[in-house]
């Protein structure tokens, strides 16, 4: 009985070790680089940097546009209040 239990545990440990090793060696990579398993060339790296910079610039432009709209709204509100106070002063 004890011999069977020890054999079962031994085979289980060996099998799980082999399965895990096979998964790490031949399976999917732990850290994927956009699905590319080969090293990127200098041009590809530069292209990737440019794409990120363009995305950041677009995001900054959107933020600036929102801020401009908000500032225009605040300015219009201030102008309206100034006109109302001028009318009240008369």
Protein backbone atom coordinates (compact mmCIF):
# COMPACT_ATOMS: atom_id res chain seq x y z
CA UNK A 1 0.00 0.00 0.00
CA UNK A 2 2.76 2.44 0.98
CA UNK A 3 4.79 1.39 -2.04
CA UNK A 4 1.84 2.10 -4.36
CA UNK A 5 1.30 5.54 -2.82
CA UNK A 6 4.97 6.44 -3.18
CA UNK A 7 5.01 5.25 -6.80
CA UNK A 8 1.85 7.21 -7.57
CA UNK A 9 3.27 10.40 -6.05
CA UNK A 10 6.60 9.92 -7.83
CA UNK A 11 4.98 9.41 -11.23
CA UNK A 12 2.64 12.34 -10.65
CA UNK A 13 5.50 14.67 -9.75
CA UNK A 14 7.64 13.53 -12.69
CA UNK A 15 4.74 13.84 -15.14
CA UNK A 16 3.76 17.33 -13.94
CA UNK A 17 7.39 18.44 -14.12
CA UNK A 18 7.69 17.20 -17.70
CA UNK A 19 4.42 18.83 -18.71
CA UNK A 20 5.39 22.18 -17.17
CA UNK A 21 8.86 22.03 -18.73
CA UNK A 22 7.39 21.26 -22.14
CA UNK A 23 4.95 24.14 -21.76
CA UNK A 24 7.69 26.61 -20.94
CA UNK A 25 10.03 25.43 -23.67
CA UNK A 26 7.62 24.98 -26.56
CA UNK A 27 4.46 26.73 -25.45
CA UNK A 28 3.37 30.31 -25.68
CA UNK A 29 5.89 32.87 -24.43
CA UNK A 30 5.38 34.37 -21.00
CA UNK A 31 5.99 37.90 -22.26
CA UNK A 32 4.61 38.45 -25.71
CA UNK A 33 5.90 41.18 -27.97
CA UNK A 34 2.74 41.79 -30.01
CA UNK A 35 2.76 38.14 -31.02
CA UNK A 36 6.25 38.42 -32.53
CA UNK A 37 8.75 35.91 -31.24
CA UNK A 38 11.71 37.24 -33.24
CA UNK A 39 13.85 40.26 -32.53
CA UNK A 40 12.64 43.48 -34.12
CA UNK A 41 14.88 45.32 -36.56
CA UNK A 42 15.96 48.90 -35.92
CA UNK A 43 13.44 50.17 -38.46
CA UNK A 44 10.62 48.24 -36.80
CA UNK A 45 11.59 49.54 -33.38
CA UNK A 46 11.69 53.10 -34.73
CA UNK A 47 8.30 52.57 -36.40
CA UNK A 48 6.85 51.36 -33.11
CA UNK A 49 8.25 54.41 -31.27
CA UNK A 50 6.79 56.74 -33.89
CA UNK A 51 3.39 55.06 -33.64
CA UNK A 52 3.42 55.54 -29.86
CA UNK A 53 4.47 59.17 -30.22
CA UNK A 54 1.68 59.81 -32.73
CA UNK A 55 -0.85 58.23 -30.39
CA UNK A 56 0.37 60.41 -27.52
CA UNK A 57 0.22 63.52 -29.71
CA UNK A 58 -3.35 62.71 -30.77
CA UNK A 59 -4.34 62.23 -27.15
CA UNK A 60 -2.73 65.54 -26.18
CA UNK A 61 -4.51 67.28 -29.06
CA UNK A 62 -7.84 65.90 -27.88
CA UNK A 63 -7.14 67.15 -24.35
CA UNK A 64 -6.17 70.57 -25.67
CA UNK A 65 -9.34 70.74 -27.76
CA UNK A 66 -11.47 69.87 -24.72
CA UNK A 67 -9.65 72.48 -22.65
CA UNK A 68 -10.21 75.10 -25.37
CA UNK A 69 -13.94 74.33 -25.46
CA UNK A 70 -14.13 74.54 -21.70
CA UNK A 71 -12.22 77.84 -21.67
CA UNK A 72 -14.52 79.24 -24.35
CA UNK A 73 -17.52 78.26 -22.24
CA UNK A 74 -16.07 79.89 -19.16
CA UNK A 75 -15.23 83.03 -21.12
CA UNK A 76 -18.77 83.21 -22.53
CA UNK A 77 -20.21 82.77 -19.05
CA UNK A 78 -17.91 85.51 -17.72
CA UNK A 79 -18.92 87.83 -20.57
CA UNK A 80 -22.60 87.19 -19.86
CA UNK A 81 -22.14 87.91 -16.15
CA UNK A 82 -20.23 91.10 -16.98
CA UNK A 83 -23.07 92.26 -19.23
CA UNK A 84 -25.66 91.49 -16.55
CA UNK A 85 -23.70 93.44 -13.94
CA UNK A 86 -23.34 96.36 -16.33
CA UNK A 87 -27.10 96.36 -16.83
CA UNK A 88 -27.67 96.22 -13.08
CA UNK A 89 -25.25 99.10 -12.54
CA UNK A 90 -27.22 101.33 -14.92
